[in-house]
Amino acid sequence: MKLAFVFKTAPHGNAISREGLDAVLAASAFCEEDQIGVFFLDDGVFNLLTDQQPELILQKDFIHAFKLLDLYEIEQRFVCQQSLQQYGLDQAEFIINCQKIDRTSLIEKLKSAEKILTF
């Protein structure tokens, strides 16, 4: 894996996650799909939840744009099992499919990346 994109922040209240998603999609123009990995951990797991209502806090709903990862054929998507357990989201319904892995495995995958970008 050449590029790893790590989402560690909640989706609303700032533009970090939205800019991270833009970066992933932009990188797909320069890399093969199998060279990109997307990781969700800590508060970043909230980017995956369906049925969010960001308009209630006057934020733009960009969460559905994560479905573009399917369109762009970015299939290496991982979510931290411990982060899901921490927030009680083990059985939550996500906007996209991600492989649930433990934090140790997640870190091992990140070590194999040439570059890591954190959002």
N, C-alpha and C. Protein backbone atom coordinates (compact mmCIF):
# COMPACT_ATOMS: atom_id res chain seq x y z
N MET A 1 0.85 -1.17 0.00
CA MET A 1 0.00 0.00 0.00
C MET A 1 0.90 1.24 0.00
N LYS A 2 0.60 2.14 -0.93
CA LYS A 2 1.38 3.37 -1.00
C LYS A 2 0.86 4.43 -0.04
N LEU A 3 -0.45 4.64 -0.06
CA LEU A 3 -1.05 5.71 0.74
C LEU A 3 -2.08 5.16 1.72
N ALA A 4 -1.98 5.59 2.96
CA ALA A 4 -2.97 5.24 3.97
C ALA A 4 -3.61 6.54 4.45
N PHE A 5 -4.92 6.57 4.42
CA PHE A 5 -5.69 7.72 4.90
C PHE A 5 -6.37 7.30 6.20
N VAL A 6 -6.04 7.99 7.28
CA VAL A 6 -6.55 7.62 8.60
C VAL A 6 -7.53 8.69 9.07
N PHE A 7 -8.76 8.28 9.30
CA PHE A 7 -9.79 9.18 9.81
C PHE A 7 -9.91 8.96 11.31
N LYS A 8 -9.53 9.99 12.09
CA LYS A 8 -9.54 9.89 13.55
C LYS A 8 -10.48 10.90 14.21
N THR A 9 -11.07 11.79 13.41
CA THR A 9 -11.92 12.82 13.99
C THR A 9 -13.38 12.62 13.58
N ALA A 10 -14.27 13.11 14.42
CA ALA A 10 -15.70 13.03 14.14
C ALA A 10 -16.02 13.88 12.91
N PRO A 11 -17.09 13.54 12.21
CA PRO A 11 -17.37 14.18 10.92
C PRO A 11 -17.86 15.62 10.96
N HIS A 12 -18.46 16.04 12.03
CA HIS A 12 -19.09 17.37 12.02
C HIS A 12 -18.49 18.26 13.10
N GLY A 13 -18.58 19.57 12.86
CA GLY A 13 -18.01 20.53 13.78
C GLY A 13 -16.71 21.11 13.25
N ASN A 14 -16.16 20.47 12.23
CA ASN A 14 -14.98 20.97 11.53
C ASN A 14 -14.98 20.36 10.13
N ALA A 15 -14.01 20.74 9.32
CA ALA A 15 -13.98 20.27 7.94
C ALA A 15 -12.94 19.17 7.72
N ILE A 16 -12.34 18.67 8.77
CA ILE A 16 -11.22 17.74 8.64
C ILE A 16 -11.61 16.47 7.89
N SER A 17 -12.69 15.84 8.27
CA SER A 17 -13.10 14.58 7.62
C SER A 17 -13.51 14.81 6.17
N ARG A 18 -14.20 15.89 5.92
CA ARG A 18 -14.62 16.19 4.54
C ARG A 18 -13.38 16.42 3.66
N GLU A 19 -12.39 17.13 4.18
CA GLU A 19 -11.16 17.37 3.43
C GLU A 19 -10.37 16.08 3.25
N GLY A 20 -10.43 15.20 4.25
CA GLY A 20 -9.77 13.91 4.13
C GLY A 20 -10.37 13.07 3.01
N LEU A 21 -11.69 13.06 2.94
CA LEU A 21 -12.36 12.32 1.88
C LEU A 21 -12.00 12.90 0.51
N ASP A 22 -11.96 14.22 0.42
CA ASP A 22 -11.54 14.86 -0.84
C ASP A 22 -10.12 14.42 -1.21
N ALA A 23 -9.25 14.31 -0.23
CA ALA A 23 -7.87 13.90 -0.48
C ALA A 23 -7.80 12.45 -0.99
N VAL A 24 -8.61 11.58 -0.40
CA VAL A 24 -8.65 10.18 -0.85
C VAL A 24 -9.08 10.12 -2.31
N LEU A 25 -10.14 10.82 -2.63
CA LEU A 25 -10.66 10.79 -4.00
C LEU A 25 -9.67 11.40 -4.98
N ALA A 26 -9.00 12.47 -4.59
CA ALA A 26 -7.99 13.09 -5.45
C ALA A 26 -6.81 12.15 -5.67
N ALA A 27 -6.40 11.46 -4.62
CA ALA A 27 -5.27 10.53 -4.73
C ALA A 27 -5.58 9.38 -5.68
N SER A 28 -6.83 9.02 -5.79
CA SER A 28 -7.21 7.91 -6.66
C SER A 28 -6.94 8.22 -8.13
N ALA A 29 -6.79 9.50 -8.46
CA ALA A 29 -6.47 9.88 -9.83
C ALA A 29 -5.00 9.62 -10.15
N PHE A 30 -4.18 9.48 -9.10
CA PHE A 30 -2.74 9.32 -9.30
C PHE A 30 -2.21 7.95 -8.89
N CYS A 31 -3.02 7.16 -8.21
CA CYS A 31 -2.61 5.85 -7.72
C CYS A 31 -3.61 4.79 -8.18
N GLU A 32 -3.12 3.58 -8.27
CA GLU A 32 -4.03 2.46 -8.50
C GLU A 32 -4.88 2.27 -7.25
N GLU A 33 -6.08 1.77 -7.43
CA GLU A 33 -7.01 1.61 -6.31
C GLU A 33 -6.45 0.72 -5.20
N ASP A 34 -5.69 -0.29 -5.58
CA ASP A 34 -5.16 -1.22 -4.58
C ASP A 34 -3.96 -0.64 -3.83
N GLN A 35 -3.53 0.56 -4.18
CA GLN A 35 -2.43 1.22 -3.49
C GLN A 35 -2.92 2.18 -2.42
N ILE A 36 -4.23 2.28 -2.25
CA ILE A 36 -4.82 3.21 -1.29
C ILE A 36 -5.57 2.42 -0.22
N GLY A 37 -5.33 2.78 1.03
CA GLY A 37 -6.06 2.19 2.15
C GLY A 37 -6.72 3.29 2.97
N VAL A 38 -7.92 3.01 3.45
CA VAL A 38 -8.67 3.99 4.25
C VAL A 38 -8.96 3.33 5.60
N PHE A 39 -8.63 4.03 6.67
CA PHE A 39 -8.74 3.50 8.03
C PHE A 39 -9.59 4.43 8.89
N PHE A 40 -10.45 3.84 9.70
CA PHE A 40 -11.30 4.60 10.61
C PHE A 40 -11.02 4.12 12.03
N LEU A 41 -10.62 5.03 12.90
CA LEU A 41 -10.40 4.66 14.29
C LEU A 41 -10.71 5.84 15.19
N ASP A 42 -10.77 5.57 16.48
CA ASP A 42 -11.14 6.58 17.48
C ASP A 42 -12.45 7.26 17.07
N ASP A 43 -12.53 8.59 17.15
CA ASP A 43 -13.76 9.30 16.78
C ASP A 43 -14.06 9.21 15.28
N GLY A 44 -13.10 8.79 14.50
CA GLY A 44 -13.29 8.66 13.05
C GLY A 44 -14.33 7.63 12.67
N VAL A 45 -14.64 6.70 13.57
CA VAL A 45 -15.67 5.69 13.25
C VAL A 45 -17.04 6.34 13.04
N PHE A 46 -17.26 7.52 13.60
CA PHE A 46 -18.54 8.20 13.43
C PHE A 46 -18.77 8.65 11.98
N ASN A 47 -17.71 8.70 11.17
CA ASN A 47 -17.87 9.02 9.75
C ASN A 47 -18.63 7.94 9.01
N LEU A 48 -18.73 6.76 9.58
CA LEU A 48 -19.34 5.62 8.90
C LEU A 48 -20.83 5.45 9.19
N LEU A 49 -21.35 6.16 10.16
CA LEU A 49 -22.74 5.95 10.59
C LEU A 49 -23.75 6.50 9.58
N THR A 50 -24.79 5.73 9.36
CA THR A 50 -25.88 6.18 8.49
C THR A 50 -26.84 7.05 9.30
N ASP A 51 -27.77 7.66 8.62
CA ASP A 51 -28.86 8.43 9.24
C ASP A 51 -28.39 9.54 10.17
N GLN A 52 -27.31 10.21 9.80
CA GLN A 52 -26.88 11.37 10.58
C GLN A 52 -27.71 12.58 10.16
N GLN A 53 -27.83 13.54 11.04
CA GLN A 53 -28.61 14.75 10.75
C GLN A 53 -27.77 16.00 11.03
N PRO A 54 -26.74 16.23 10.26
CA PRO A 54 -25.85 17.36 10.52
C PRO A 54 -26.52 18.72 10.33
N GLU A 55 -27.61 18.75 9.58
CA GLU A 55 -28.30 20.03 9.37
C GLU A 55 -28.84 20.59 10.69
N LEU A 56 -29.05 19.73 11.68
CA LEU A 56 -29.52 20.20 12.99
C LEU A 56 -28.48 21.08 13.69
N ILE A 57 -27.22 20.91 13.32
CA ILE A 57 -26.16 21.77 13.89
C ILE A 57 -25.56 22.65 12.80
N LEU A 58 -26.38 22.88 11.76
CA LEU A 58 -26.03 23.75 10.64
C LEU A 58 -24.76 23.32 9.92
N GLN A 59 -24.61 22.02 9.73
CA GLN A 59 -23.48 21.46 9.00
C GLN A 59 -23.98 20.80 7.72
N LYS A 60 -23.11 20.71 6.73
CA LYS A 60 -23.44 20.07 5.46
C LYS A 60 -23.30 18.56 5.62
N ASP A 61 -24.23 17.82 5.02
CA ASP A 61 -24.19 16.37 5.07
C ASP A 61 -23.31 15.85 3.94
N PHE A 62 -22.09 15.44 4.27
CA PHE A 62 -21.18 14.90 3.28
C PHE A 62 -20.95 13.40 3.46
N ILE A 63 -21.54 12.81 4.49
CA ILE A 63 -21.30 11.41 4.82
C ILE A 63 -21.62 10.48 3.64
N HIS A 64 -22.67 10.78 2.91
CA HIS A 64 -23.03 9.92 1.77
C HIS A 64 -21.95 9.93 0.69
N ALA A 65 -21.10 10.94 0.70
CA ALA A 65 -20.01 11.00 -0.28
C ALA A 65 -18.99 9.89 -0.06
N PHE A 66 -18.98 9.27 1.12
CA PHE A 66 -18.09 8.14 1.35
C PHE A 66 -18.46 6.96 0.43
N LYS A 67 -19.68 6.95 -0.08
CA LYS A 67 -20.08 5.90 -1.03
C LYS A 67 -19.27 5.99 -2.33
N LEU A 68 -18.65 7.13 -2.57
CA LEU A 68 -17.81 7.28 -3.75
C LEU A 68 -16.60 6.34 -3.70
N LEU A 69 -16.23 5.88 -2.52
CA LEU A 69 -15.13 4.92 -2.42
C LEU A 69 -15.47 3.65 -3.20
N ASP A 70 -16.75 3.28 -3.22
CA ASP A 70 -17.18 2.13 -4.03
C ASP A 70 -17.03 2.44 -5.51
N LEU A 71 -17.49 3.60 -5.91
CA LEU A 71 -17.41 4.01 -7.31
C LEU A 71 -15.96 4.07 -7.79
N TYR A 72 -15.08 4.55 -6.92
CA TYR A 72 -13.66 4.68 -7.26
C TYR A 72 -12.90 3.37 -7.04
N GLU A 73 -13.63 2.34 -6.63
CA GLU A 73 -13.09 0.99 -6.41
C GLU A 73 -11.97 0.95 -5.39
N ILE A 74 -12.07 1.78 -4.36
CA ILE A 74 -11.12 1.75 -3.25
C ILE A 74 -11.67 0.76 -2.24
N GLU A 75 -11.10 -0.43 -2.24
CA GLU A 75 -11.67 -1.53 -1.46
C GLU A 75 -10.94 -1.81 -0.15
N GLN A 76 -9.76 -1.28 0.03
CA GLN A 76 -9.03 -1.50 1.28
C GLN A 76 -9.54 -0.48 2.31
N ARG A 77 -10.57 -0.90 3.04
CA ARG A 77 -11.21 -0.03 4.04
C ARG A 77 -11.29 -0.80 5.35
N PHE A 78 -10.77 -0.21 6.40
CA PHE A 78 -10.68 -0.89 7.68
C PHE A 78 -11.21 -0.02 8.80
N VAL A 79 -11.88 -0.65 9.74
CA VAL A 79 -12.39 0.07 10.91
C VAL A 79 -11.89 -0.66 12.15
N CYS A 80 -11.48 0.10 13.14
CA CYS A 80 -10.91 -0.44 14.37
C CYS A 80 -12.01 -1.03 15.26
N GLN A 81 -11.89 -2.31 15.53
CA GLN A 81 -12.88 -3.02 16.35
C GLN A 81 -12.96 -2.42 17.77
N GLN A 82 -11.81 -2.07 18.36
CA GLN A 82 -11.82 -1.51 19.71
C GLN A 82 -12.52 -0.16 19.76
N SER A 83 -12.37 0.64 18.71
CA SER A 83 -13.06 1.94 18.66
C SER A 83 -14.57 1.73 18.58
N LEU A 84 -14.99 0.75 17.80
CA LEU A 84 -16.42 0.45 17.71
C LEU A 84 -16.97 0.01 19.07
N GLN A 85 -16.23 -0.84 19.76
CA GLN A 85 -16.66 -1.31 21.08
C GLN A 85 -16.70 -0.16 22.07
N GLN A 86 -15.73 0.72 22.01
CA GLN A 86 -15.66 1.86 22.92
C GLN A 86 -16.94 2.70 22.86
N TYR A 87 -17.47 2.87 21.68
CA TYR A 87 -18.67 3.70 21.50
C TYR A 87 -19.95 2.89 21.38
N GLY A 88 -19.86 1.58 21.57
CA GLY A 88 -21.05 0.73 21.48
C GLY A 88 -21.60 0.62 20.08
N LEU A 89 -20.73 0.64 19.11
CA LEU A 89 -21.15 0.61 17.70
C LEU A 89 -20.84 -0.73 17.02
N ASP A 90 -20.67 -1.77 17.80
CA ASP A 90 -20.31 -3.08 17.25
C ASP A 90 -21.28 -3.54 16.16
N GLN A 91 -22.54 -3.30 16.37
CA GLN A 91 -23.55 -3.78 15.43
C GLN A 91 -24.17 -2.65 14.61
N ALA A 92 -23.53 -1.50 14.58
CA ALA A 92 -24.07 -0.34 13.87
C ALA A 92 -24.09 -0.58 12.37
N GLU A 93 -25.00 0.10 11.70
CA GLU A 93 -25.09 0.03 10.25
C GLU A 93 -24.24 1.15 9.67
N PHE A 94 -23.34 0.79 8.74
CA PHE A 94 -22.42 1.77 8.18
C PHE A 94 -22.81 2.14 6.76
N ILE A 95 -22.38 3.32 6.36
CA ILE A 95 -22.67 3.84 5.03
C ILE A 95 -21.91 3.06 3.95
N ILE A 96 -20.75 2.50 4.30
CA ILE A 96 -19.96 1.68 3.38
C ILE A 96 -19.48 0.43 4.10
N ASN A 97 -19.09 -0.57 3.34
CA ASN A 97 -18.53 -1.77 3.93
C ASN A 97 -17.07 -1.54 4.30
N CYS A 98 -16.71 -1.96 5.50
CA CYS A 98 -15.33 -1.89 5.97
C CYS A 98 -15.02 -3.19 6.69
N GLN A 99 -13.78 -3.58 6.61
CA GLN A 99 -13.35 -4.77 7.35
C GLN A 99 -13.04 -4.36 8.78
N LYS A 100 -13.67 -5.03 9.73
CA LYS A 100 -13.40 -4.76 11.14
C LYS A 100 -12.15 -5.52 11.53
N ILE A 101 -11.15 -4.79 12.06
CA ILE A 101 -9.91 -5.43 12.50
C ILE A 101 -9.51 -4.86 13.85
N ASP A 102 -8.73 -5.62 14.60
CA ASP A 102 -8.27 -5.13 15.90
C ASP A 102 -7.17 -4.09 15.69
N ARG A 103 -6.93 -3.31 16.73
CA ARG A 103 -5.98 -2.19 16.62
C ARG A 103 -4.57 -2.66 16.26
N THR A 104 -4.16 -3.79 16.77
CA THR A 104 -2.82 -4.30 16.46
C THR A 104 -2.69 -4.58 14.97
N SER A 105 -3.68 -5.23 14.38
CA SER A 105 -3.66 -5.51 12.94
C SER A 105 -3.71 -4.22 12.14
N LEU A 106 -4.49 -3.28 12.61
CA LEU A 106 -4.60 -1.99 11.94
C LEU A 106 -3.23 -1.30 11.91
N ILE A 107 -2.53 -1.31 13.02
CA ILE A 107 -1.21 -0.67 13.09
C ILE A 107 -0.23 -1.39 12.17
N GLU A 108 -0.30 -2.70 12.11
CA GLU A 108 0.58 -3.46 11.21
C GLU A 108 0.33 -3.07 9.76
N LYS A 109 -0.93 -2.90 9.39
CA LYS A 109 -1.25 -2.50 8.02
C LYS A 109 -0.72 -1.09 7.74
N LEU A 110 -0.84 -0.20 8.74
CA LEU A 110 -0.33 1.16 8.56
C LEU A 110 1.18 1.18 8.40
N LYS A 111 1.87 0.28 9.07
CA LYS A 111 3.32 0.22 8.96
C LYS A 111 3.77 -0.14 7.54
N SER A 112 2.92 -0.82 6.80
CA SER A 112 3.28 -1.22 5.44
C SER A 112 3.08 -0.10 4.43
N ALA A 113 2.43 0.98 4.82
CA ALA A 113 2.16 2.10 3.91
C ALA A 113 3.40 2.96 3.74
N GLU A 114 3.58 3.46 2.53
CA GLU A 114 4.69 4.37 2.28
C GLU A 114 4.44 5.75 2.89
N LYS A 115 3.22 6.22 2.81
CA LYS A 115 2.82 7.52 3.36
C LYS A 115 1.52 7.37 4.12
N ILE A 116 1.41 8.06 5.25
CA ILE A 116 0.19 8.04 6.06
C ILE A 116 -0.29 9.47 6.22
N LEU A 117 -1.55 9.69 5.87
CA LEU A 117 -2.17 11.00 6.05
C LEU A 117 -3.29 10.84 7.07
N THR A 118 -3.30 11.70 8.07
CA THR A 118 -4.27 11.59 9.16
C THR A 118 -5.22 12.78 9.13
N PHE A 119 -6.50 12.45 9.29
CA PHE A 119 -7.56 13.48 9.28
C PHE A 119 -8.44 13.34 10.49
